[in-house]
């Protein structure tokens, strides 16, 4: 999907419940960024044109869906941990050149 300032000018792109564990962002000139996500079910991309950057966020949860009026613990994609429990997540970012 070609990313452009116009595409990201109004809203973030939120990919919920993604099946892929990674994405590659190419600059069109032989370089790119590979993002690999472990245990993150959602990915968000956003920018604030005309600033020359792209924010890449891995999410375990997301904002409320339209019409949601439940309790915090009932939010879609909410992860609850028992007292004393922990969770681990990782994201790897790799710069790549030619041969994308």
PDB file of N, CA and C in Angstrom:
ATOM      1  N   UNK A   1       0.842  -1.157   0.000  1.00  0.00           N
ATOM      2  CA  UNK A   1       0.000   0.000   0.000  1.00  0.00           C
ATOM      3  C   UNK A   1       0.901   1.237   0.000  1.00  0.00           C
ATOM      4  N   UNK A   2       0.801   2.072  -0.968  1.00  0.00           N
ATOM      5  CA  UNK A   2       1.612   3.287  -0.982  1.00  0.00           C
ATOM      6  C   UNK A   2       1.154   4.239   0.122  1.00  0.00           C
ATOM      7  N   UNK A   3       2.069   4.659   0.968  1.00  0.00           N
ATOM      8  CA  UNK A   3       1.747   5.623   2.013  1.00  0.00           C
ATOM      9  C   UNK A   3       2.048   7.017   1.492  1.00  0.00           C
ATOM     10  N   UNK A   4       1.168   7.940   1.791  1.00  0.00           N
ATOM     11  CA  UNK A   4       1.364   9.318   1.345  1.00  0.00           C
ATOM     12  C   UNK A   4       0.892  10.262   2.438  1.00  0.00           C
ATOM     13  N   UNK A   5       1.313  11.510   2.327  1.00  0.00           N
ATOM     14  CA  UNK A   5       0.878  12.516   3.297  1.00  0.00           C
ATOM     15  C   UNK A   5      -0.640  12.639   3.278  1.00  0.00           C
ATOM     16  N   UNK A   6      -1.230  12.568   2.093  1.00  0.00           N
ATOM     17  CA  UNK A   6      -2.684  12.670   1.991  1.00  0.00           C
ATOM     18  C   UNK A   6      -3.408  11.535   2.690  1.00  0.00           C
ATOM     19  N   UNK A   7      -2.860  10.345   2.593  1.00  0.00           N
ATOM     20  CA  UNK A   7      -3.476   9.178   3.222  1.00  0.00           C
ATOM     21  C   UNK A   7      -3.461   9.299   4.742  1.00  0.00           C
ATOM     22  N   UNK A   8      -2.409   9.885   5.285  1.00  0.00           N
ATOM     23  CA  UNK A   8      -2.243   9.967   6.734  1.00  0.00           C
ATOM     24  C   UNK A   8      -2.600  11.343   7.312  1.00  0.00           C
ATOM     25  N   UNK A   9      -3.091  12.253   6.485  1.00  0.00           N
ATOM     26  CA  UNK A   9      -3.344  13.619   6.925  1.00  0.00           C
ATOM     27  C   UNK A   9      -4.470  13.718   7.953  1.00  0.00           C
ATOM     28  N   UNK A  10      -5.481  12.908   7.849  1.00  0.00           N
ATOM     29  CA  UNK A  10      -6.653  13.043   8.713  1.00  0.00           C
ATOM     30  C   UNK A  10      -6.682  12.066   9.883  1.00  0.00           C
ATOM     31  N   UNK A  11      -6.268  10.854   9.646  1.00  0.00           N
ATOM     32  CA  UNK A  11      -6.403   9.804  10.655  1.00  0.00           C
ATOM     33  C   UNK A  11      -5.216   8.852  10.609  1.00  0.00           C
ATOM     34  N   UNK A  12      -5.064   8.128  11.686  1.00  0.00           N
ATOM     35  CA  UNK A  12      -4.088   7.037  11.714  1.00  0.00           C
ATOM     36  C   UNK A  12      -4.663   5.856  10.953  1.00  0.00           C
ATOM     37  N   UNK A  13      -3.793   5.015  10.432  1.00  0.00           N
ATOM     38  CA  UNK A  13      -4.219   3.741   9.857  1.00  0.00           C
ATOM     39  C   UNK A  13      -4.045   2.692  10.949  1.00  0.00           C
ATOM     40  N   UNK A  14      -5.126   2.062  11.336  1.00  0.00           N
ATOM     41  CA  UNK A  14      -5.090   1.063  12.401  1.00  0.00           C
ATOM     42  C   UNK A  14      -5.457  -0.290  11.820  1.00  0.00           C
ATOM     43  N   UNK A  15      -4.538  -1.218  11.923  1.00  0.00           N
ATOM     44  CA  UNK A  15      -4.751  -2.571  11.427  1.00  0.00           C
ATOM     45  C   UNK A  15      -4.983  -3.457  12.650  1.00  0.00           C
ATOM     46  N   UNK A  16      -6.237  -3.842  12.851  1.00  0.00           N
ATOM     47  CA  UNK A  16      -6.606  -4.615  14.024  1.00  0.00           C
ATOM     48  C   UNK A  16      -6.592  -6.101  13.711  1.00  0.00           C
ATOM     49  N   UNK A  17      -6.135  -6.883  14.669  1.00  0.00           N
ATOM     50  CA  UNK A  17      -6.092  -8.347  14.544  1.00  0.00           C
ATOM     51  C   UNK A  17      -5.344  -8.787  13.285  1.00  0.00           C
ATOM     52  N   UNK A  18      -4.170  -8.222  13.086  1.00  0.00           N
ATOM     53  CA  UNK A  18      -3.374  -8.559  11.906  1.00  0.00           C
ATOM     54  C   UNK A  18      -2.862  -9.993  12.006  1.00  0.00           C
ATOM     55  N   UNK A  19      -2.828 -10.659  10.892  1.00  0.00           N
ATOM     56  CA  UNK A  19      -2.301 -12.027  10.856  1.00  0.00           C
ATOM     57  C   UNK A  19      -0.799 -12.048  10.633  1.00  0.00           C
ATOM     58  N   UNK A  20      -0.295 -11.043   9.951  1.00  0.00           N
ATOM     59  CA  UNK A  20       1.135 -10.978   9.682  1.00  0.00           C
ATOM     60  C   UNK A  20       1.877 -10.589  10.952  1.00  0.00           C
ATOM     61  N   UNK A  21       3.068 -11.085  11.107  1.00  0.00           N
ATOM     62  CA  UNK A  21       3.895 -10.725  12.257  1.00  0.00           C
ATOM     63  C   UNK A  21       4.926  -9.682  11.889  1.00  0.00           C
ATOM     64  N   UNK A  22       4.813  -9.113  10.683  1.00  0.00           N
ATOM     65  CA  UNK A  22       5.768  -8.101  10.298  1.00  0.00           C
ATOM     66  C   UNK A  22       5.323  -7.308   9.090  1.00  0.00           C
ATOM     67  N   UNK A  23       6.041  -6.220   8.852  1.00  0.00           N
ATOM     68  CA  UNK A  23       5.762  -5.363   7.700  1.00  0.00           C
ATOM     69  C   UNK A  23       7.075  -4.737   7.237  1.00  0.00           C
ATOM     70  N   UNK A  24       7.155  -4.472   5.948  1.00  0.00           N
ATOM     71  CA  UNK A  24       8.324  -3.806   5.381  1.00  0.00           C
ATOM     72  C   UNK A  24       7.879  -2.496   4.756  1.00  0.00           C
ATOM     73  N   UNK A  25       8.578  -1.439   5.095  1.00  0.00           N
ATOM     74  CA  UNK A  25       8.304  -0.117   4.552  1.00  0.00           C
ATOM     75  C   UNK A  25       9.464   0.252   3.653  1.00  0.00           C
ATOM     76  N   UNK A  26       9.180   0.416   2.343  1.00  0.00           N
ATOM     77  CA  UNK A  26      10.212   0.712   1.356  1.00  0.00           C
ATOM     78  C   UNK A  26      10.169   2.191   1.000  1.00  0.00           C
ATOM     79  N   UNK A  27      11.330   2.769   0.730  1.00  0.00           N
ATOM     80  CA  UNK A  27      11.371   4.180   0.354  1.00  0.00           C
ATOM     81  C   UNK A  27      11.377   4.390  -1.159  1.00  0.00           C
ATOM     82  N   UNK A  28      11.382   3.327  -1.950  1.00  0.00           N
ATOM     83  CA  UNK A  28      11.376   3.458  -3.397  1.00  0.00           C
ATOM     84  C   UNK A  28      12.748   3.687  -3.998  1.00  0.00           C
ATOM     85  N   UNK A  29      13.778   3.773  -3.161  1.00  0.00           N
ATOM     86  CA  UNK A  29      15.135   4.020  -3.652  1.00  0.00           C
ATOM     87  C   UNK A  29      16.106   2.936  -3.175  1.00  0.00           C
ATOM     88  N   UNK A  30      15.584   1.761  -2.867  1.00  0.00           N
ATOM     89  CA  UNK A  30      16.451   0.654  -2.491  1.00  0.00           C
ATOM     90  C   UNK A  30      16.726   0.500  -1.016  1.00  0.00           C
ATOM     91  N   UNK A  31      16.033   1.243  -0.181  1.00  0.00           N
ATOM     92  CA  UNK A  31      16.205   1.108   1.269  1.00  0.00           C
ATOM     93  C   UNK A  31      14.842   0.955   1.918  1.00  0.00           C
ATOM     94  N   UNK A  32      14.839   0.426   3.101  1.00  0.00           N
ATOM     95  CA  UNK A  32      13.575   0.239   3.788  1.00  0.00           C
ATOM     96  C   UNK A  32      13.758  -0.100   5.250  1.00  0.00           C
ATOM     97  N   UNK A  33      12.653  -0.316   5.899  1.00  0.00           N
ATOM     98  CA  UNK A  33      12.619  -0.672   7.307  1.00  0.00           C
ATOM     99  C   UNK A  33      11.715  -1.885   7.463  1.00  0.00           C
ATOM    100  N   UNK A  34      12.235  -2.910   8.096  1.00  0.00           N
ATOM    101  CA  UNK A  34      11.463  -4.122   8.376  1.00  0.00           C
ATOM    102  C   UNK A  34      11.089  -4.097   9.856  1.00  0.00           C
ATOM    103  N   UNK A  35       9.814  -4.274  10.151  1.00  0.00           N
ATOM    104  CA  UNK A  35       9.311  -4.304  11.518  1.00  0.00           C
ATOM    105  C   UNK A  35       8.742  -5.698  11.762  1.00  0.00           C
ATOM    106  N   UNK A  36       9.241  -6.357  12.793  1.00  0.00           N
ATOM    107  CA  UNK A  36       8.735  -7.683  13.163  1.00  0.00           C
ATOM    108  C   UNK A  36       8.171  -7.596  14.574  1.00  0.00           C
ATOM    109  N   UNK A  37       6.937  -8.071  14.729  1.00  0.00           N
ATOM    110  CA  UNK A  37       6.204  -7.933  15.979  1.00  0.00           C
ATOM    111  C   UNK A  37       5.924  -9.298  16.585  1.00  0.00           C
ATOM    112  N   UNK A  38       6.149  -9.433  17.876  1.00  0.00           N
ATOM    113  CA  UNK A  38       5.798 -10.652  18.598  1.00  0.00           C
ATOM    114  C   UNK A  38       4.713 -10.299  19.610  1.00  0.00           C
ATOM    115  N   UNK A  39       3.632 -11.030  19.572  1.00  0.00           N
ATOM    116  CA  UNK A  39       2.542 -10.854  20.542  1.00  0.00           C
ATOM    117  C   UNK A  39       1.899  -9.476  20.527  1.00  0.00           C
ATOM    118  N   UNK A  40       1.930  -8.810  19.412  1.00  0.00           N
ATOM    119  CA  UNK A  40       1.190  -7.567  19.232  1.00  0.00           C
ATOM    120  C   UNK A  40       0.121  -7.833  18.169  1.00  0.00           C
ATOM    121  N   UNK A  41      -1.145  -7.826  18.541  1.00  0.00           N
ATOM    122  CA  UNK A  41      -2.181  -8.125  17.547  1.00  0.00           C
ATOM    123  C   UNK A  41      -2.566  -6.954  16.647  1.00  0.00           C
ATOM    124  N   UNK A  42      -2.103  -5.744  16.976  1.00  0.00           N
ATOM    125  CA  UNK A  42      -2.531  -4.573  16.208  1.00  0.00           C
ATOM    126  C   UNK A  42      -1.317  -3.723  15.820  1.00  0.00           C
ATOM    127  N   UNK A  43      -1.463  -3.015  14.711  1.00  0.00           N
ATOM    128  CA  UNK A  43      -0.415  -2.121  14.212  1.00  0.00           C
ATOM    129  C   UNK A  43      -1.075  -0.811  13.799  1.00  0.00           C
ATOM    130  N   UNK A  44      -0.483   0.303  14.199  1.00  0.00           N
ATOM    131  CA  UNK A  44      -0.995   1.612  13.807  1.00  0.00           C
ATOM    132  C   UNK A  44       0.117   2.406  13.129  1.00  0.00           C
ATOM    133  N   UNK A  45      -0.263   3.151  12.111  1.00  0.00           N
ATOM    134  CA  UNK A  45       0.655   4.032  11.384  1.00  0.00           C
ATOM    135  C   UNK A  45       0.054   5.426  11.396  1.00  0.00           C
ATOM    136  N   UNK A  46       0.865   6.411  11.709  1.00  0.00           N
ATOM    137  CA  UNK A  46       0.362   7.769  11.665  1.00  0.00           C
ATOM    138  C   UNK A  46       1.493   8.750  11.404  1.00  0.00           C
ATOM    139  N   UNK A  47       1.088   9.925  10.991  1.00  0.00           N
ATOM    140  CA  UNK A  47       2.040  10.997  10.696  1.00  0.00           C
ATOM    141  C   UNK A  47       1.327  12.325  10.899  1.00  0.00           C
ATOM    142  N   UNK A  48       2.082  13.381  10.926  1.00  0.00           N
ATOM    143  CA  UNK A  48       1.534  14.727  11.004  1.00  0.00           C
ATOM    144  C   UNK A  48       2.148  15.550   9.868  1.00  0.00           C
ATOM    145  N   UNK A  49       1.624  15.339   8.630  1.00  0.00           N
ATOM    146  CA  UNK A  49       2.158  16.107   7.513  1.00  0.00           C
ATOM    147  C   UNK A  49       2.072  17.602   7.825  1.00  0.00           C
ATOM    148  N   UNK A  50       3.072  18.353   7.397  1.00  0.00           N
ATOM    149  CA  UNK A  50       4.142  18.035   6.467  1.00  0.00           C
ATOM    150  C   UNK A  50       5.409  17.493   7.127  1.00  0.00           C
ATOM    151  N   UNK A  51       5.382  17.152   8.393  1.00  0.00           N
ATOM    152  CA  UNK A  51       6.580  16.602   9.046  1.00  0.00           C
ATOM    153  C   UNK A  51       7.029  15.336   8.316  1.00  0.00           C
ATOM    154  N   UNK A  52       8.342  15.151   8.127  1.00  0.00           N
ATOM    155  CA  UNK A  52       8.859  14.036   7.322  1.00  0.00           C
ATOM    156  C   UNK A  52       9.109  12.757   8.136  1.00  0.00           C
ATOM    157  N   UNK A  53       8.085  12.251   8.800  1.00  0.00           N
ATOM    158  CA  UNK A  53       8.260  11.011   9.554  1.00  0.00           C
ATOM    159  C   UNK A  53       7.000  10.153   9.499  1.00  0.00           C
ATOM    160  N   UNK A  54       7.153   8.903   9.819  1.00  0.00           N
ATOM    161  CA  UNK A  54       6.055   7.950   9.942  1.00  0.00           C
ATOM    162  C   UNK A  54       6.178   7.305  11.312  1.00  0.00           C
ATOM    163  N   UNK A  55       5.136   7.349  12.096  1.00  0.00           N
ATOM    164  CA  UNK A  55       5.125   6.678  13.403  1.00  0.00           C
ATOM    165  C   UNK A  55       4.563   5.275  13.215  1.00  0.00           C
ATOM    166  N   UNK A  56       5.278   4.301  13.736  1.00  0.00           N
ATOM    167  CA  UNK A  56       4.892   2.898  13.647  1.00  0.00           C
ATOM    168  C   UNK A  56       4.688   2.419  15.074  1.00  0.00           C
ATOM    169  N   UNK A  57       3.457   2.073  15.421  1.00  0.00           N
ATOM    170  CA  UNK A  57       3.144   1.674  16.784  1.00  0.00           C
ATOM    171  C   UNK A  57       2.568   0.262  16.806  1.00  0.00           C
ATOM    172  N   UNK A  58       3.142  -0.571  17.638  1.00  0.00           N
ATOM    173  CA  UNK A  58       2.616  -1.913  17.884  1.00  0.00           C
ATOM    174  C   UNK A  58       1.715  -1.823  19.113  1.00  0.00           C
ATOM    175  N   UNK A  59       0.520  -2.360  19.003  1.00  0.00           N
ATOM    176  CA  UNK A  59      -0.462  -2.248  20.087  1.00  0.00           C
ATOM    177  C   UNK A  59      -0.899  -3.628  20.560  1.00  0.00           C
ATOM    178  N   UNK A  60      -1.151  -3.744  21.858  1.00  0.00           N
ATOM    179  CA  UNK A  60      -1.802  -4.943  22.397  1.00  0.00           C
ATOM    180  C   UNK A  60      -3.285  -4.687  22.576  1.00  0.00           C
ATOM    181  N   UNK A  61      -3.699  -3.449  22.596  1.00  0.00           N
ATOM    182  CA  UNK A  61      -5.112  -3.060  22.697  1.00  0.00           C
ATOM    183  C   UNK A  61      -5.358  -1.902  21.760  1.00  0.00           C
ATOM    184  N   UNK A  62      -6.587  -1.429  21.720  1.00  0.00           N
ATOM    185  CA  UNK A  62      -6.901  -0.296  20.840  1.00  0.00           C
ATOM    186  C   UNK A  62      -8.031   0.522  21.445  1.00  0.00           C
ATOM    187  N   UNK A  63      -8.294   1.650  20.849  1.00  0.00           N
ATOM    188  CA  UNK A  63      -9.357   2.537  21.317  1.00  0.00           C
ATOM    189  C   UNK A  63     -10.732   1.909  21.171  1.00  0.00           C
ATOM    190  N   UNK A  64     -11.694   2.569  21.768  1.00  0.00           N
ATOM    191  CA  UNK A  64     -13.070   2.076  21.734  1.00  0.00           C
ATOM    192  C   UNK A  64     -13.620   2.055  20.314  1.00  0.00           C
ATOM    193  N   UNK A  65     -14.369   1.024  20.027  1.00  0.00           N
ATOM    194  CA  UNK A  65     -15.116   0.975  18.774  1.00  0.00           C
ATOM    195  C   UNK A  65     -16.318   1.900  18.901  1.00  0.00           C
ATOM    196  N   UNK A  66     -16.832   2.373  17.781  1.00  0.00           N
ATOM    197  CA  UNK A  66     -17.992   3.261  17.792  1.00  0.00           C
ATOM    198  C   UNK A  66     -19.130   2.587  18.556  1.00  0.00           C
ATOM    199  N   UNK A  67     -19.705   3.309  19.498  1.00  0.00           N
ATOM    200  CA  UNK A  67     -20.848   2.797  20.249  1.00  0.00           C
ATOM    201  C   UNK A  67     -20.498   2.021  21.504  1.00  0.00           C
ATOM    202  N   UNK A  68     -19.212   1.796  21.774  1.00  0.00           N
ATOM    203  CA  UNK A  68     -18.845   1.032  22.971  1.00  0.00           C
ATOM    204  C   UNK A  68     -19.146   1.860  24.214  1.00  0.00           C
ATOM    205  N   UNK A  69     -19.810   1.255  25.198  1.00  0.00           N
ATOM    206  CA  UNK A  69     -20.168   1.969  26.423  1.00  0.00           C
ATOM    207  C   UNK A  69     -19.940   1.099  27.658  1.00  0.00           C
ATOM    208  N   UNK A  70     -19.102   0.089  27.575  1.00  0.00           N
ATOM    209  CA  UNK A  70     -18.884  -0.831  28.686  1.00  0.00           C
ATOM    210  C   UNK A  70     -17.826  -0.358  29.657  1.00  0.00           C
ATOM    211  N   UNK A  71     -17.500  -1.236  30.581  1.00  0.00           N
ATOM    212  CA  UNK A  71     -16.462  -0.984  31.564  1.00  0.00           C
ATOM    213  C   UNK A  71     -15.077  -1.132  30.929  1.00  0.00           C
ATOM    214  N   UNK A  72     -14.085  -0.554  31.572  1.00  0.00           N
ATOM    215  CA  UNK A  72     -12.717  -0.638  31.071  1.00  0.00           C
ATOM    216  C   UNK A  72     -12.306  -2.097  30.830  1.00  0.00           C
ATOM    217  N   UNK A  73     -12.625  -2.984  31.742  1.00  0.00           N
ATOM    218  CA  UNK A  73     -12.236  -4.389  31.614  1.00  0.00           C
ATOM    219  C   UNK A  73     -12.954  -5.104  30.476  1.00  0.00           C
ATOM    220  N   UNK A  74     -14.008  -4.514  29.935  1.00  0.00           N
ATOM    221  CA  UNK A  74     -14.784  -5.126  28.849  1.00  0.00           C
ATOM    222  C   UNK A  74     -14.395  -4.595  27.478  1.00  0.00           C
ATOM    223  N   UNK A  75     -13.437  -3.669  27.445  1.00  0.00           N
ATOM    224  CA  UNK A  75     -13.050  -3.070  26.168  1.00  0.00           C
ATOM    225  C   UNK A  75     -12.547  -4.144  25.213  1.00  0.00           C
ATOM    226  N   UNK A  76     -12.851  -4.006  23.929  1.00  0.00           N
ATOM    227  CA  UNK A  76     -12.327  -4.962  22.948  1.00  0.00           C
ATOM    228  C   UNK A  76     -10.801  -4.982  22.988  1.00  0.00           C
ATOM    229  N   UNK A  77     -10.243  -6.160  22.960  1.00  0.00           N
ATOM    230  CA  UNK A  77      -8.799  -6.359  22.916  1.00  0.00           C
ATOM    231  C   UNK A  77      -8.089  -6.042  24.231  1.00  0.00           C
ATOM    232  N   UNK A  78      -8.839  -5.840  25.301  1.00  0.00           N
ATOM    233  CA  UNK A  78      -8.222  -5.562  26.602  1.00  0.00           C
ATOM    234  C   UNK A  78      -7.506  -6.811  27.100  1.00  0.00           C
ATOM    235  N   UNK A  79      -6.290  -6.641  27.563  1.00  0.00           N
ATOM    236  CA  UNK A  79      -5.532  -7.749  28.155  1.00  0.00           C
ATOM    237  C   UNK A  79      -5.521  -7.559  29.658  1.00  0.00           C
ATOM    238  N   UNK A  80      -5.971  -8.543  30.364  1.00  0.00           N
ATOM    239  CA  UNK A  80      -5.983  -8.495  31.822  1.00  0.00           C
ATOM    240  C   UNK A  80      -4.957  -9.481  32.356  1.00  0.00           C
ATOM    241  N   UNK A  81      -4.150  -9.036  33.293  1.00  0.00           N
ATOM    242  CA  UNK A  81      -3.169  -9.898  33.929  1.00  0.00           C
ATOM    243  C   UNK A  81      -3.567 -10.067  35.391  1.00  0.00           C
ATOM    244  N   UNK A  82      -3.387 -11.263  35.881  1.00  0.00           N
ATOM    245  CA  UNK A  82      -3.648 -11.529  37.292  1.00  0.00           C
ATOM    246  C   UNK A  82      -2.649 -10.756  38.142  1.00  0.00           C
ATOM    247  N   UNK A  83      -3.006 -10.445  39.384  1.00  0.00           N
ATOM    248  CA  UNK A  83      -2.043  -9.765  40.259  1.00  0.00           C
ATOM    249  C   UNK A  83      -0.712 -10.517  40.312  1.00  0.00           C
ATOM    250  N   UNK A  84       0.369  -9.790  40.133  1.00  0.00           N
ATOM    251  CA  UNK A  84       1.700 -10.381  40.154  1.00  0.00           C
ATOM    252  C   UNK A  84       2.143 -10.995  38.836  1.00  0.00           C
ATOM    253  N   UNK A  85       1.244 -11.118  37.871  1.00  0.00           N
ATOM    254  CA  UNK A  85       1.583 -11.710  36.575  1.00  0.00           C
ATOM    255  C   UNK A  85       2.304 -10.661  35.715  1.00  0.00           C
ATOM    256  N   UNK A  86       2.954 -11.124  34.676  1.00  0.00           N
ATOM    257  CA  UNK A  86       3.628 -10.214  33.751  1.00  0.00           C
ATOM    258  C   UNK A  86       3.414 -10.706  32.329  1.00  0.00           C
ATOM    259  N   UNK A  87       3.668  -9.829  31.397  1.00  0.00           N
ATOM    260  CA  UNK A  87       3.586 -10.173  29.972  1.00  0.00           C
ATOM    261  C   UNK A  87       4.812  -9.591  29.297  1.00  0.00           C
ATOM    262  N   UNK A  88       5.265 -10.240  28.264  1.00  0.00           N
ATOM    263  CA  UNK A  88       6.446  -9.775  27.543  1.00  0.00           C
ATOM    264  C   UNK A  88       6.086  -9.652  26.063  1.00  0.00           C
ATOM    265  N   UNK A  89       6.540  -8.578  25.467  1.00  0.00           N
ATOM    266  CA  UNK A  89       6.307  -8.311  24.046  1.00  0.00           C
ATOM    267  C   UNK A  89       7.625  -7.831  23.449  1.00  0.00           C
ATOM    268  N   UNK A  90       7.788  -8.055  22.170  1.00  0.00           N
ATOM    269  CA  UNK A  90       8.991  -7.538  21.531  1.00  0.00           C
ATOM    270  C   UNK A  90       8.677  -7.083  20.116  1.00  0.00           C
ATOM    271  N   UNK A  91       9.443  -6.102  19.694  1.00  0.00           N
ATOM    272  CA  UNK A  91       9.374  -5.600  18.327  1.00  0.00           C
ATOM    273  C   UNK A  91      10.809  -5.412  17.860  1.00  0.00           C
ATOM    274  N   UNK A  92      11.090  -5.844  16.637  1.00  0.00           N
ATOM    275  CA  UNK A  92      12.413  -5.689  16.054  1.00  0.00           C
ATOM    276  C   UNK A  92      12.319  -4.802  14.829  1.00  0.00           C
ATOM    277  N   UNK A  93      13.207  -3.851  14.742  1.00  0.00           N
ATOM    278  CA  UNK A  93      13.258  -2.922  13.614  1.00  0.00           C
ATOM    279  C   UNK A  93      14.605  -3.117  12.934  1.00  0.00           C
ATOM    280  N   UNK A  94      14.585  -3.406  11.634  1.00  0.00           N
ATOM    281  CA  UNK A  94      15.814  -3.651  10.872  1.00  0.00           C
ATOM    282  C   UNK A  94      15.846  -2.765   9.646  1.00  0.00           C
ATOM    283  N   UNK A  95      16.952  -2.073   9.456  1.00  0.00           N
ATOM    284  CA  UNK A  95      17.145  -1.308   8.220  1.00  0.00           C
ATOM    285  C   UNK A  95      17.645  -2.266   7.158  1.00  0.00           C
ATOM    286  N   UNK A  96      17.072  -2.148   5.969  1.00  0.00           N
ATOM    287  CA  UNK A  96      17.477  -3.036   4.874  1.00  0.00           C
ATOM    288  C   UNK A  96      17.809  -2.177   3.650  1.00  0.00           C
ATOM    289  N   UNK A  97      18.690  -2.696   2.834  1.00  0.00           N
ATOM    290  CA  UNK A  97      19.057  -2.004   1.608  1.00  0.00           C
ATOM    291  C   UNK A  97      19.023  -2.991   0.457  1.00  0.00           C
ATOM    292  N   UNK A  98      18.794  -2.480  -0.719  1.00  0.00           N
ATOM    293  CA  UNK A  98      18.700  -3.255  -1.970  1.00  0.00           C
ATOM    294  C   UNK A  98      18.293  -4.711  -1.764  1.00  0.00           C
ATOM    295  N   UNK A  99      17.684  -5.254  -2.737  1.00  0.00           N
ATOM    296  CA  UNK A  99      17.219  -6.629  -2.659  1.00  0.00           C
ATOM    297  C   UNK A  99      16.010  -6.783  -1.759  1.00  0.00           C
ATOM    298  N   UNK A 100      15.202  -5.712  -1.643  1.00  0.00           N
ATOM    299  CA  UNK A 100      14.022  -5.782  -0.796  1.00  0.00           C
ATOM    300  C   UNK A 100      13.133  -6.886  -1.305  1.00  0.00           C
TER     301      UNK A 100
END
